[in-house]
Amino acid sequence: GFLLLLAFVNIEQRSWRSSFVPILFALVLISPLAIMFTLGLLIYLALATMAGVQRVKGEHELIFFSFLFNIWFLIIFFKKALVEYGAGIIWQNIPNNLMTSAFSQLTVLDAVVAVGVLPFIGGMYIMYRHIFTEHERTVYVLMGLSLTAGALVLLRLIELSIGLQLLSVALVSLLAFAIRDLLAYTKKTKSAWLHPASIVVLIMLVLFAGIPALNEARGAPHTVITAPEQQALAWIAQNTPPETVVLGTLEEGHAIEALAQRPTVANTFFLMKPETEARVQDITRILGAPFESEAVRLLKQYDVSVILWTDSARKLTGLDAPSFASDEICFPRLYNEERVAVYGVACTLEVS
């Protein structure tokens, strides 16, 4: 996305102009969120037209082409999902119990904390200045992207984490213009000797502005598959039949399918998946079930024959080991290495 933004900003140069469409095509193939970039360009075009910004010849045709190409590709690629969900495809069939965390409401304070005080203030200052006094094309492009990301997050039309990432990129880029203007101003004043000192101060401010982001990253949920977990998944791939259904936490679903090459109950991709809300709830109920009978009933419902127990399951249930682990006849421990265990399911409920 950043490379495509760079290509559009430098569209006057022949090399960037010729590479814009291939980069756009690659981005559209990689992620459907490429539509956000084209929406940002449309907002830029509207703002630039109203403000009388000097634009590059032919760029409006390029913007409309990008938008229509993106829409056409989404319709072709997500045809079945569009028929199934209609406008609801925006929310990706995410279960209601996960919708709040994925599409949280954003406040101004949340945005400041997430992107950093310095980028937020610098970005707002540059946008204000260019709306009323200056009219620099690159700034208006970044303004379009910022307003698009902010509006989609406020309207809960995009996941909060993705929206904040795009907003951060745009505001940090605008901060560079604020720093440029500040340094240019110190050179013109009678106290030009302050210019080297101001550079040092700005570097320190930028470094300190990254501290909240580091703290946020440290406190983020642990979603990386560790080496012991990879070994357990490799063991499952080598020692179970290909049709074996493996139960793990929701976040581990993709790793089970990719590394163990086995089907699972659910993962974080919900489009065109049946009963997503029930499946998410049942994963928690099985792993944290206080009674074996409940666990066995739900496991039979999803044809699960192998259970993966990791730190992710411990965090989800608050249990160091599953309650059913004490029954080694019904739930034999097949694998146990470095806080990662694999249990088999050997019992079923008899219906009289």
Protein backbone atom coordinates (compact mmCIF):
# COMPACT_ATOMS: atom_id res chain seq x y z
CA GLY A 1 0.00 0.00 0.00
CA PHE A 2 2.79 2.42 0.89
CA LEU A 3 4.56 1.60 -2.39
CA LEU A 4 1.37 2.35 -4.32
CA LEU A 5 1.00 5.64 -2.44
CA LEU A 6 4.59 6.52 -3.33
CA ALA A 7 3.95 5.70 -6.99
CA PHE A 8 0.89 7.96 -7.10
CA VAL A 9 2.65 10.87 -5.39
CA ASN A 10 5.46 10.65 -7.97
CA ILE A 11 3.16 9.91 -10.91
CA GLU A 12 4.79 12.71 -12.95
CA GLN A 13 7.93 10.60 -13.26
CA ARG A 14 7.75 8.11 -16.11
CA SER A 15 9.19 5.19 -14.12
CA TRP A 16 6.60 5.57 -11.34
CA ARG A 17 3.78 6.16 -13.83
CA SER A 18 4.52 2.91 -15.67
CA SER A 19 4.74 0.94 -12.43
CA PHE A 20 1.50 2.27 -10.87
CA VAL A 21 -0.88 -0.20 -12.56
CA PRO A 22 1.29 -3.32 -11.85
CA ILE A 23 1.60 -2.28 -8.20
CA LEU A 24 -2.15 -1.66 -8.02
CA PHE A 25 -2.84 -5.08 -9.54
CA ALA A 26 -0.51 -6.77 -7.02
CA LEU A 27 -2.11 -4.95 -4.09
CA VAL A 28 -5.63 -5.87 -5.21
CA LEU A 29 -4.56 -9.52 -5.45
CA ILE A 30 -2.97 -9.44 -1.99
CA SER A 31 -5.76 -7.76 -0.03
CA PRO A 32 -9.34 -6.56 -0.59
CA LEU A 33 -8.43 -3.59 1.63
CA ALA A 34 -6.83 -2.03 -1.46
CA ILE A 35 -10.25 -0.44 -1.90
CA MET A 36 -9.34 1.87 1.00
CA PHE A 37 -6.51 3.35 -1.00
CA THR A 38 -8.72 4.08 -3.99
CA LEU A 39 -11.37 5.61 -1.71
CA GLY A 40 -8.63 7.79 -0.25
CA LEU A 41 -7.71 8.94 -3.76
CA LEU A 42 -11.33 9.84 -4.46
CA ILE A 43 -11.43 11.92 -1.25
CA TYR A 44 -8.15 13.55 -2.31
CA LEU A 45 -9.62 14.37 -5.73
CA ALA A 46 -12.66 16.01 -4.14
CA LEU A 47 -10.59 18.04 -1.65
CA ALA A 48 -8.04 19.08 -4.27
CA THR A 49 -10.76 20.18 -6.67
CA MET A 50 -12.49 22.32 -4.03
CA ALA A 51 -9.20 23.85 -2.84
CA GLY A 52 -7.87 24.54 -6.33
CA VAL A 53 -4.77 22.40 -5.83
CA GLN A 54 -2.56 22.10 -8.90
CA ARG A 55 -2.86 18.48 -9.97
CA VAL A 56 -1.01 16.22 -12.36
CA LYS A 57 -2.51 15.95 -15.83
CA GLY A 58 -4.57 12.81 -16.26
CA GLU A 59 -4.48 11.75 -12.62
CA HIS A 60 -8.27 11.85 -12.27
CA GLU A 61 -8.59 9.25 -15.04
CA LEU A 62 -6.06 7.10 -13.18
CA ILE A 63 -8.02 7.46 -9.93
CA PHE A 64 -11.33 6.46 -11.51
CA PHE A 65 -9.64 3.54 -13.27
CA SER A 66 -8.16 2.35 -9.96
CA PHE A 67 -11.53 2.57 -8.22
CA LEU A 68 -13.50 0.79 -10.97
CA PHE A 69 -10.83 -1.89 -11.36
CA ASN A 70 -10.90 -2.53 -7.62
CA ILE A 71 -14.70 -2.76 -7.55
CA TRP A 72 -14.71 -5.09 -10.58
CA PHE A 73 -12.13 -7.39 -9.00
CA LEU A 74 -14.01 -7.54 -5.67
CA ILE A 75 -17.26 -8.41 -7.45
CA ILE A 76 -15.57 -11.20 -9.43
CA PHE A 77 -13.57 -12.63 -6.55
CA PHE A 78 -16.25 -12.35 -3.83
CA LYS A 79 -19.26 -13.09 -6.04
CA LYS A 80 -20.62 -15.92 -3.87
CA ALA A 81 -20.05 -14.02 -0.65
CA LEU A 82 -21.79 -10.94 -2.04
CA VAL A 83 -24.80 -13.03 -3.03
CA GLU A 84 -24.83 -14.69 0.40
CA TYR A 85 -24.33 -11.64 2.65
CA GLY A 86 -25.00 -8.59 0.48
CA ALA A 87 -23.77 -5.41 2.16
CA GLY A 88 -23.12 -7.48 5.29
CA ILE A 89 -19.93 -8.76 3.65
CA ILE A 90 -18.28 -5.67 5.15
CA TRP A 91 -18.48 -7.34 8.56
CA GLN A 92 -17.02 -10.59 7.14
CA ASN A 93 -19.58 -12.86 8.86
CA ILE A 94 -17.73 -12.28 12.14
CA PRO A 95 -19.71 -13.72 15.10
CA ASN A 96 -21.53 -11.22 17.29
CA ASN A 97 -19.44 -12.12 20.32
CA LEU A 98 -16.28 -11.07 18.43
CA MET A 99 -17.77 -8.11 16.58
CA THR A 100 -17.22 -5.64 19.43
CA SER A 101 -13.48 -6.25 19.63
CA ALA A 102 -12.98 -6.32 15.85
CA PHE A 103 -15.09 -3.23 15.04
CA SER A 104 -14.70 -1.19 18.21
CA GLN A 105 -15.86 2.41 18.39
CA LEU A 106 -12.94 4.84 18.20
CA THR A 107 -12.71 8.05 20.22
CA VAL A 108 -10.32 10.94 19.68
CA LEU A 109 -8.38 9.95 22.81
CA ASP A 110 -8.07 6.36 21.57
CA ALA A 111 -6.72 7.62 18.24
CA VAL A 112 -4.15 9.88 19.95
CA VAL A 113 -2.91 7.03 22.16
CA ALA A 114 -2.82 4.55 19.28
CA VAL A 115 -0.95 6.67 16.70
CA GLY A 116 1.10 8.74 19.15
CA VAL A 117 0.74 12.31 20.38
CA LEU A 118 3.43 13.77 18.13
CA PRO A 119 2.18 12.30 14.82
CA PHE A 120 -1.40 13.23 15.72
CA ILE A 121 -0.59 16.87 16.56
CA GLY A 122 1.81 17.25 13.64
CA GLY A 123 -0.64 15.67 11.21
CA MET A 124 -3.55 17.82 12.38
CA TYR A 125 -1.41 20.97 12.15
CA ILE A 126 -0.33 20.24 8.57
CA MET A 127 -3.88 19.44 7.48
CA TYR A 128 -5.18 22.65 9.04
CA ARG A 129 -2.42 24.73 7.46
CA HIS A 130 -2.89 23.33 3.96
CA ILE A 131 -6.67 23.62 4.06
CA PHE A 132 -6.54 27.34 4.77
CA THR A 133 -3.19 28.67 3.51
CA GLU A 134 -1.04 26.28 1.49
CA HIS A 135 -2.12 23.74 -1.12
CA GLU A 136 0.56 21.08 -1.58
CA ARG A 137 -0.55 18.11 -3.64
CA THR A 138 1.26 15.41 -1.63
CA VAL A 139 -0.27 16.67 1.60
CA TYR A 140 -3.74 16.48 0.09
CA VAL A 141 -3.11 12.87 -0.99
CA LEU A 142 -2.19 11.98 2.59
CA MET A 143 -5.18 13.94 3.87
CA GLY A 144 -7.48 11.86 1.68
CA LEU A 145 -6.02 8.63 3.06
CA SER A 146 -6.24 9.91 6.67
CA LEU A 147 -9.85 11.02 6.36
CA THR A 148 -10.83 7.75 4.67
CA ALA A 149 -9.24 5.60 7.38
CA GLY A 150 -10.69 7.73 10.18
CA ALA A 151 -14.20 7.79 8.68
CA LEU A 152 -14.32 4.03 8.07
CA VAL A 153 -13.20 3.32 11.63
CA LEU A 154 -15.71 5.77 13.13
CA LEU A 155 -18.50 4.22 11.03
CA ARG A 156 -17.31 0.74 12.08
CA LEU A 157 -16.90 -0.35 8.47
CA ILE A 158 -13.35 -1.63 8.93
CA GLU A 159 -11.51 -3.47 11.68
CA LEU A 160 -10.07 -1.09 14.26
CA SER A 161 -6.52 -2.46 14.08
CA ILE A 162 -6.33 -2.13 10.30
CA GLY A 163 -7.86 1.36 10.31
CA LEU A 164 -5.41 2.58 12.95
CA GLN A 165 -2.46 1.17 11.02
CA LEU A 166 -3.44 3.10 7.89
CA LEU A 167 -4.19 6.22 9.91
CA SER A 168 -0.79 5.97 11.60
CA VAL A 169 1.04 5.70 8.26
CA ALA A 170 -0.74 8.79 6.93
CA LEU A 171 -0.23 10.89 10.08
CA VAL A 172 3.43 9.94 10.43
CA SER A 173 3.95 10.95 6.79
CA LEU A 174 2.23 14.29 7.50
CA LEU A 175 4.45 14.71 10.56
CA ALA A 176 7.44 14.74 8.21
CA PHE A 177 6.00 17.86 6.54
CA ALA A 178 5.54 19.50 9.94
CA ILE A 179 9.17 18.78 10.84
CA ARG A 180 10.31 20.13 7.47
CA ASP A 181 8.39 23.38 7.99
CA LEU A 182 9.66 23.76 11.54
CA LEU A 183 13.29 23.31 10.51
CA ALA A 184 12.85 25.76 7.64
CA TYR A 185 11.36 28.30 10.07
CA THR A 186 14.27 28.04 12.54
CA LYS A 187 16.71 28.76 9.70
CA LYS A 188 14.91 32.02 8.84
CA THR A 189 14.73 33.40 12.38
CA LYS A 190 17.37 35.57 14.04
CA SER A 191 18.09 32.62 16.30
CA ALA A 192 19.32 30.43 13.47
CA TRP A 193 21.87 28.96 15.86
CA LEU A 194 18.94 27.02 17.33
CA HIS A 195 18.60 25.01 14.12
CA PRO A 196 21.08 22.21 15.08
CA ALA A 197 19.60 22.08 18.59
CA SER A 198 16.06 21.81 17.20
CA ILE A 199 17.11 18.83 15.08
CA VAL A 200 18.38 17.03 18.19
CA VAL A 201 15.17 17.85 20.10
CA LEU A 202 12.99 16.60 17.25
CA ILE A 203 14.94 13.33 17.05
CA MET A 204 14.46 12.81 20.77
CA LEU A 205 10.74 13.58 20.52
CA VAL A 206 10.31 11.10 17.67
CA LEU A 207 12.14 8.42 19.64
CA PHE A 208 10.07 9.03 22.79
CA ALA A 209 6.88 9.03 20.69
CA GLY A 210 7.58 5.39 19.86
CA ILE A 211 7.54 4.31 23.51
CA PRO A 212 3.71 4.02 23.72
CA ALA A 213 3.74 1.90 20.56
CA LEU A 214 6.36 -0.42 22.08
CA ASN A 215 4.33 -0.76 25.27
CA GLU A 216 1.23 -1.48 23.21
CA ALA A 217 3.11 -4.16 21.27
CA ARG A 218 4.36 -5.81 24.48
CA GLY A 219 0.84 -5.92 25.83
CA ALA A 220 -0.65 -7.28 22.61
CA PRO A 221 -2.04 -10.82 22.59
CA HIS A 222 0.52 -13.53 21.91
CA THR A 223 -0.43 -14.98 18.52
CA VAL A 224 2.93 -16.27 17.23
CA ILE A 225 3.25 -20.04 16.91
CA THR A 226 6.22 -21.07 19.07
CA ALA A 227 8.79 -23.72 18.19
CA PRO A 228 7.27 -26.34 20.58
CA GLU A 229 3.83 -25.69 19.06
CA GLN A 230 5.27 -26.14 15.56
CA GLN A 231 6.80 -29.44 16.63
CA ALA A 232 3.46 -30.60 18.03
CA LEU A 233 1.69 -29.67 14.78
CA ALA A 234 4.37 -31.51 12.79
CA TRP A 235 3.80 -34.56 15.04
CA ILE A 236 0.05 -34.40 14.30
CA ALA A 237 0.78 -34.24 10.56
CA GLN A 238 2.97 -37.34 10.73
CA ASN A 239 0.97 -39.47 13.15
CA THR A 240 -2.72 -38.91 12.34
CA PRO A 241 -4.87 -39.73 9.30
CA PRO A 242 -5.44 -36.84 6.84
CA GLU A 243 -9.15 -36.60 7.69
CA THR A 244 -8.49 -36.12 11.43
CA VAL A 245 -10.28 -33.06 12.81
CA VAL A 246 -8.06 -31.17 15.28
CA LEU A 247 -9.46 -28.85 17.94
CA GLY A 248 -7.43 -25.80 18.97
CA THR A 249 -8.20 -22.21 19.88
CA LEU A 250 -9.68 -19.94 17.24
CA GLU A 251 -6.36 -18.15 16.69
CA GLU A 252 -4.57 -21.48 16.14
CA GLY A 253 -7.00 -22.61 13.44
CA HIS A 254 -4.92 -21.37 10.49
CA ALA A 255 -1.72 -22.90 11.92
CA ILE A 256 -3.43 -26.28 12.35
CA GLU A 257 -4.64 -26.24 8.75
CA ALA A 258 -1.30 -25.00 7.36
CA LEU A 259 1.29 -26.84 9.47
CA ALA A 260 -0.58 -29.97 10.58
CA GLN A 261 -2.54 -30.05 7.30
CA ARG A 262 -5.64 -31.15 9.16
CA PRO A 263 -9.17 -29.65 9.30
CA THR A 264 -10.18 -27.77 12.41
CA VAL A 265 -13.41 -26.58 14.00
CA ALA A 266 -12.92 -22.87 13.22
CA ASN A 267 -10.36 -20.20 12.42
CA THR A 268 -10.43 -16.42 12.12
CA PHE A 269 -11.67 -16.44 8.51
CA PHE A 270 -15.47 -16.54 8.77
CA LEU A 271 -16.74 -15.82 5.24
CA MET A 272 -18.89 -18.62 3.84
CA LYS A 273 -18.46 -20.63 7.05
CA PRO A 274 -21.58 -22.11 8.73
CA GLU A 275 -22.64 -21.42 12.33
CA THR A 276 -19.58 -19.33 13.14
CA GLU A 277 -20.95 -17.96 16.41
CA ALA A 278 -21.84 -21.42 17.74
CA ARG A 279 -18.45 -22.82 16.73
CA VAL A 280 -16.53 -20.04 18.51
CA GLN A 281 -18.57 -20.58 21.67
CA ASP A 282 -18.23 -24.37 21.50
CA ILE A 283 -14.42 -24.18 21.25
CA THR A 284 -14.34 -22.36 24.60
CA ARG A 285 -16.92 -24.74 26.09
CA ILE A 286 -14.96 -27.84 25.08
CA LEU A 287 -11.55 -26.66 26.25
CA GLY A 288 -12.94 -25.36 29.54
CA ALA A 289 -15.62 -28.02 30.11
CA PRO A 290 -15.84 -29.03 33.80
CA PHE A 291 -17.56 -32.31 32.89
CA GLU A 292 -16.32 -34.94 30.46
CA SER A 293 -19.81 -35.67 29.20
CA GLU A 294 -20.24 -32.12 27.88
CA ALA A 295 -16.83 -32.17 26.21
CA VAL A 296 -17.46 -35.57 24.60
CA ARG A 297 -20.88 -34.49 23.29
CA LEU A 298 -19.49 -31.38 21.59
CA LEU A 299 -16.42 -33.19 20.28
CA LYS A 300 -18.69 -35.81 18.68
CA GLN A 301 -20.76 -33.01 17.11
CA TYR A 302 -17.70 -31.72 15.22
CA ASP A 303 -16.08 -35.17 14.69
CA VAL A 304 -12.99 -34.06 16.63
CA SER A 305 -10.51 -36.83 17.42
CA VAL A 306 -7.43 -34.78 18.44
CA ILE A 307 -7.17 -31.83 20.86
CA LEU A 308 -4.23 -29.39 20.86
CA TRP A 309 -3.53 -27.86 24.28
CA THR A 310 -1.17 -24.84 24.38
CA ASP A 311 -0.63 -21.59 26.28
CA SER A 312 -3.33 -20.08 24.08
CA ALA A 313 -5.83 -22.60 25.49
CA ARG A 314 -4.60 -21.88 29.02
CA LYS A 315 -5.19 -18.16 28.50
CA LEU A 316 -8.64 -18.80 27.04
CA THR A 317 -9.83 -21.10 29.83
CA GLY A 318 -7.74 -20.00 32.81
CA LEU A 319 -6.80 -23.67 33.35
CA ASP A 320 -3.29 -25.07 33.45
CA ALA A 321 -4.62 -28.38 32.11
CA PRO A 322 -8.04 -29.39 30.76
CA SER A 323 -10.43 -30.98 33.26
CA PHE A 324 -10.82 -34.05 31.07
CA ALA A 325 -7.05 -34.72 31.13
CA SER A 326 -7.46 -36.80 34.30
CA ASP A 327 -9.34 -39.46 32.31
CA GLU A 328 -6.50 -41.12 30.42
CA ILE A 329 -8.79 -43.78 29.00
CA CYS A 330 -11.15 -41.41 27.17
CA PHE A 331 -8.53 -38.72 26.57
CA PRO A 332 -5.11 -40.37 26.20
CA ARG A 333 -2.18 -37.99 26.08
CA LEU A 334 -0.53 -38.64 22.74
CA TYR A 335 2.14 -35.95 22.86
CA ASN A 336 3.56 -33.80 25.66
CA GLU A 337 6.55 -31.48 25.21
CA GLU A 338 7.32 -28.05 26.74
CA ARG A 339 3.82 -27.01 27.84
CA VAL A 340 2.29 -28.29 24.61
CA ALA A 341 0.10 -31.40 24.77
CA VAL A 342 -1.93 -33.37 22.26
CA TYR A 343 -4.87 -35.43 23.51
CA GLY A 344 -6.77 -38.11 21.66
CA VAL A 345 -10.54 -38.63 21.89
CA ALA A 346 -11.33 -42.29 22.49
CA CYS A 347 -14.83 -42.15 24.01
CA THR A 348 -18.28 -41.40 22.68
CA LEU A 349 -21.66 -40.89 24.32
CA GLU A 350 -24.06 -43.78 24.02
CA VAL A 351 -27.64 -42.74 23.36
CA SER A 352 -30.19 -45.16 24.84
